[in-house]
């Protein structure tokens, strides 16, 4: 077994570096990188648990923030989530909530806990 060269994350810079490495590994040959992917996931989740709180941001704003960080447009979400343009538009405009499947896909794609996207928030035209 090869020795991996990762340490506990101590800075934002290291966190983002590891996130980028993890994203590349996940989209390359997953099986040959499985141990490295698992280790990076654990390190990133530990950092998230200690430093990132999503309690003050609703799921739609979180998604918009992630889209900005990753230079994604709504059309990119259509492909990532397997939804129609109209559905993505409704989600981003607070007209439709996240489905369980959408939450799972977002969580897996962006390596965040599902509860970051699985929280109540007001929809346009719906009673609070």
Protein backbone atom coordinates (compact mmCIF):
# COMPACT_ATOMS: atom_id res chain seq x y z
CA UNK A 1 0.00 0.00 0.00
CA UNK A 2 1.30 3.43 -0.90
CA UNK A 3 1.82 5.96 1.84
CA UNK A 4 -0.46 8.97 1.39
CA UNK A 5 0.88 12.46 1.92
CA UNK A 6 -2.08 14.19 3.57
CA UNK A 7 -2.31 15.77 7.00
CA UNK A 8 -5.11 17.12 9.16
CA UNK A 9 -6.40 20.31 7.53
CA UNK A 10 -5.25 23.44 9.33
CA UNK A 11 -5.95 26.29 6.88
CA UNK A 12 -8.58 27.38 4.38
CA UNK A 13 -5.97 27.13 1.63
CA UNK A 14 -5.23 23.51 2.52
CA UNK A 15 -8.98 22.78 2.73
CA UNK A 16 -9.65 24.10 -0.78
CA UNK A 17 -6.57 22.32 -2.14
CA UNK A 18 -7.82 19.00 -0.73
CA UNK A 19 -11.34 19.65 -2.07
CA UNK A 20 -9.92 20.21 -5.56
CA UNK A 21 -7.79 17.06 -5.34
CA UNK A 22 -10.78 15.06 -4.13
CA UNK A 23 -12.98 16.33 -6.94
CA UNK A 24 -10.39 15.31 -9.55
CA UNK A 25 -9.96 11.87 -7.98
CA UNK A 26 -13.70 11.23 -7.83
CA UNK A 27 -14.08 11.98 -11.52
CA UNK A 28 -11.06 9.93 -12.55
CA UNK A 29 -10.62 6.21 -11.95
CA UNK A 30 -12.53 5.87 -8.66
CA UNK A 31 -11.59 2.28 -7.83
CA UNK A 32 -7.83 2.80 -8.11
CA UNK A 33 -8.05 5.89 -5.88
CA UNK A 34 -10.57 4.59 -3.34
CA UNK A 35 -8.29 4.78 -0.25
CA UNK A 36 -7.09 8.26 -1.15
CA UNK A 37 -10.68 9.42 -1.76
CA UNK A 38 -11.81 8.01 1.59
CA UNK A 39 -8.94 9.70 3.45
CA UNK A 40 -9.53 13.08 1.80
CA UNK A 41 -13.26 12.80 2.47
CA UNK A 42 -12.61 12.17 6.17
CA UNK A 43 -10.19 15.09 6.43
CA UNK A 44 -12.58 17.44 4.61
CA UNK A 45 -15.58 16.32 6.68
CA UNK A 46 -13.60 16.88 9.89
CA UNK A 47 -12.77 20.43 8.77
CA UNK A 48 -16.40 21.04 7.75
CA UNK A 49 -17.67 19.81 11.12
CA UNK A 50 -15.31 22.13 12.98
CA UNK A 51 -15.34 25.23 10.77
CA UNK A 52 -18.35 25.36 8.48
CA UNK A 53 -21.74 26.02 9.89
CA UNK A 54 -24.59 26.19 7.45
CA UNK A 55 -27.19 27.11 10.06
CA UNK A 56 -27.19 30.77 9.05
CA UNK A 57 -27.68 30.22 5.32
CA UNK A 58 -30.67 28.66 3.62
CA UNK A 59 -30.11 25.77 1.19
CA UNK A 60 -30.75 27.87 -1.94
CA UNK A 61 -28.23 30.52 -0.89
CA UNK A 62 -25.76 27.76 -0.07
CA UNK A 63 -26.24 26.27 -3.54
CA UNK A 64 -25.79 29.70 -5.15
CA UNK A 65 -22.59 30.20 -3.15
CA UNK A 66 -21.28 26.79 -4.25
CA UNK A 67 -22.17 27.57 -7.85
CA UNK A 68 -20.19 30.82 -7.64
CA UNK A 69 -17.19 29.06 -6.05
CA UNK A 70 -17.16 26.39 -8.77
CA UNK A 71 -18.01 28.76 -11.64
CA UNK A 72 -21.20 26.87 -12.36
CA UNK A 73 -24.29 28.15 -14.12
CA UNK A 74 -27.85 26.90 -13.81
CA UNK A 75 -27.38 24.89 -17.01
CA UNK A 76 -24.52 23.01 -15.30
CA UNK A 77 -26.90 22.02 -12.50
CA UNK A 78 -29.27 20.57 -15.10
CA UNK A 79 -26.58 18.03 -16.00
CA UNK A 80 -25.25 17.49 -12.46
CA UNK A 81 -28.70 16.94 -10.94
CA UNK A 82 -30.46 15.38 -13.91
CA UNK A 83 -33.26 17.95 -13.73
CA UNK A 84 -34.92 20.12 -16.34
CA UNK A 85 -33.95 23.76 -16.84
CA UNK A 86 -37.36 24.76 -15.53
CA UNK A 87 -36.97 22.76 -12.32
CA UNK A 88 -33.50 24.17 -11.66
CA UNK A 89 -34.84 27.67 -12.27
CA UNK A 90 -37.73 27.09 -9.85
CA UNK A 91 -35.32 25.81 -7.17
CA UNK A 92 -32.98 28.81 -7.57
CA UNK A 93 -35.95 31.21 -7.44
CA UNK A 94 -37.48 29.70 -4.29
CA UNK A 95 -40.48 28.32 -6.16
CA UNK A 96 -39.68 24.63 -5.59
CA UNK A 97 -37.95 22.82 -2.75
CA UNK A 98 -35.13 20.29 -2.98
CA UNK A 99 -36.18 16.67 -3.45
CA UNK A 100 -34.47 13.92 -1.46
CA UNK A 101 -32.67 12.79 -4.61
CA UNK A 102 -31.48 16.33 -5.36
CA UNK A 103 -30.17 16.66 -1.81
CA UNK A 104 -28.28 13.37 -2.16
CA UNK A 105 -26.75 14.42 -5.49
CA UNK A 106 -25.70 17.84 -4.18
CA UNK A 107 -24.24 16.33 -1.04
CA UNK A 108 -22.24 13.74 -2.98
CA UNK A 109 -21.08 16.14 -5.69
CA UNK A 110 -19.92 18.90 -3.34
CA UNK A 111 -18.90 16.70 -0.41
CA UNK A 112 -21.23 18.33 2.10
CA UNK A 113 -23.50 16.78 4.69
CA UNK A 114 -27.06 16.28 3.47
CA UNK A 115 -28.43 18.37 6.32
CA UNK A 116 -26.80 21.45 4.74
CA UNK A 117 -29.45 21.21 1.99
CA UNK A 118 -32.19 19.47 3.97
CA UNK A 119 -33.52 22.36 6.04
CA UNK A 120 -36.78 24.26 5.81
CA UNK A 121 -36.84 27.60 4.05
CA UNK A 122 -39.71 29.71 2.70
CA UNK A 123 -40.87 29.24 -0.86
CA UNK A 124 -42.36 32.05 -2.95
CA UNK A 125 -46.15 31.94 -2.80
CA UNK A 126 -46.24 29.44 0.06
CA UNK A 127 -47.41 30.19 3.59
CA UNK A 128 -44.61 30.16 6.16
